[in-house]
Amino acid sequence: MSLKVQIIYILYSFVFGFVFSFFLDWNYPYINKLKRWLKMVAIFFLTLNFALLYFLGIYKINYGIFHPYSLFLIFAGALFEIYFTKKYKKKRKS
């Protein structure tokens, strides 16, 4: 895998983690109002859709080759989104 493809893969994983975390935070109030079994179904399908979207992106970038460091980058993107939204909410309150 060339360096250009690796950089695109790293950026895609990081941005995907950010977007995934954002959509989970955004949908949480709506999903939380549902009944318990409907919550489980909604979370299952939301996660399944995002997993399929991620693997479709990986397939387009590097023919579906999955590397373990991508999990770290997804997690790092989600943590960055949490930090970013907390900082934005504090700034918005002031």
Protein backbone atom coordinates (compact mmCIF):
# COMPACT_ATOMS: atom_id res chain seq x y z
CA MET A 1 0.00 0.00 0.00
CA SER A 2 1.45 3.34 -1.00
CA LEU A 3 1.96 6.23 1.38
CA LYS A 4 -0.79 8.28 -0.29
CA VAL A 5 -3.33 5.49 0.22
CA GLN A 6 -2.26 5.07 3.86
CA ILE A 7 -2.71 8.78 4.57
CA ILE A 8 -6.16 8.77 2.96
CA TYR A 9 -7.03 5.66 4.99
CA ILE A 10 -5.86 7.28 8.22
CA LEU A 11 -7.83 10.47 7.55
CA TYR A 12 -10.92 8.49 6.55
CA SER A 13 -10.80 6.45 9.77
CA PHE A 14 -10.34 9.53 11.94
CA VAL A 15 -13.14 11.48 10.24
CA PHE A 16 -15.38 8.42 10.34
CA GLY A 17 -14.88 8.16 14.11
CA PHE A 18 -15.75 11.85 14.48
CA VAL A 19 -18.90 11.55 12.35
CA PHE A 20 -20.00 8.28 13.98
CA SER A 21 -19.69 9.76 17.46
CA PHE A 22 -21.51 12.92 16.36
CA PHE A 23 -24.45 10.96 14.94
CA LEU A 24 -24.66 8.80 18.05
CA ASP A 25 -24.80 11.92 20.23
CA TRP A 26 -27.31 13.54 17.90
CA ASN A 27 -29.62 10.49 17.82
CA TYR A 28 -29.33 9.63 21.50
CA PRO A 29 -32.26 11.79 22.71
CA TYR A 30 -34.54 10.32 20.03
CA ILE A 31 -33.50 6.72 20.65
CA ASN A 32 -33.69 7.14 24.42
CA LYS A 33 -37.42 7.94 24.22
CA LEU A 34 -38.25 4.57 22.64
CA LYS A 35 -39.25 1.35 24.35
CA ARG A 36 -36.43 -0.97 25.37
CA TRP A 37 -36.75 -3.49 22.54
CA LEU A 38 -37.16 -0.72 19.98
CA LYS A 39 -34.02 0.98 21.35
CA MET A 40 -32.05 -2.21 20.78
CA VAL A 41 -33.34 -2.52 17.21
CA ALA A 42 -32.63 1.14 16.43
CA ILE A 43 -29.09 0.97 17.84
CA PHE A 44 -28.45 -2.29 16.00
CA PHE A 45 -29.50 -0.85 12.64
CA LEU A 46 -27.68 2.44 13.22
CA THR A 47 -24.48 0.59 14.04
CA LEU A 48 -24.94 -1.83 11.15
CA ASN A 49 -25.44 1.05 8.71
CA PHE A 50 -22.31 2.80 9.91
CA ALA A 51 -20.26 -0.41 9.80
CA LEU A 52 -21.35 -1.05 6.22
CA LEU A 53 -20.60 2.54 5.30
CA TYR A 54 -17.12 2.25 6.84
CA PHE A 55 -16.29 -0.96 5.00
CA LEU A 56 -17.63 0.46 1.75
CA GLY A 57 -15.25 3.39 2.19
CA ILE A 58 -12.36 1.05 2.97
CA TYR A 59 -13.19 -0.97 -0.12
CA LYS A 60 -13.06 2.16 -2.27
CA ILE A 61 -9.82 3.40 -0.72
CA ASN A 62 -7.69 0.25 -0.54
CA TYR A 63 -9.81 -2.65 -1.84
CA GLY A 64 -11.16 -3.65 1.56
CA ILE A 65 -7.87 -4.29 3.34
CA PHE A 66 -8.48 -3.68 7.04
CA HIS A 67 -5.62 -2.66 9.34
CA PRO A 68 -5.78 -2.83 13.14
CA TYR A 69 -4.60 0.76 13.60
CA SER A 70 -7.83 1.96 12.00
CA LEU A 71 -9.71 1.00 15.18
CA PHE A 72 -7.40 3.28 17.15
CA LEU A 73 -8.04 6.11 14.72
CA ILE A 74 -11.82 5.65 14.86
CA PHE A 75 -11.59 5.77 18.66
CA ALA A 76 -9.34 8.86 18.48
CA GLY A 77 -11.82 10.58 16.15
CA ALA A 78 -14.67 9.82 18.55
CA LEU A 79 -12.67 11.20 21.49
CA PHE A 80 -11.85 14.33 19.50
CA GLU A 81 -15.57 14.79 18.74
CA ILE A 82 -16.44 14.46 22.43
CA TYR A 83 -13.75 17.00 23.37
CA PHE A 84 -14.85 19.35 20.56
CA THR A 85 -18.54 19.27 21.47
CA LYS A 86 -17.85 19.79 25.19
CA LYS A 87 -15.67 22.78 24.40
CA TYR A 88 -18.30 24.16 22.00
CA LYS A 89 -21.11 23.72 24.53
CA LYS A 90 -19.08 25.54 27.23
CA LYS A 91 -18.34 28.38 24.84
CA ARG A 92 -21.99 28.56 23.81
CA LYS A 93 -23.19 28.79 27.45
CA SER A 94 -20.95 31.77 28.20
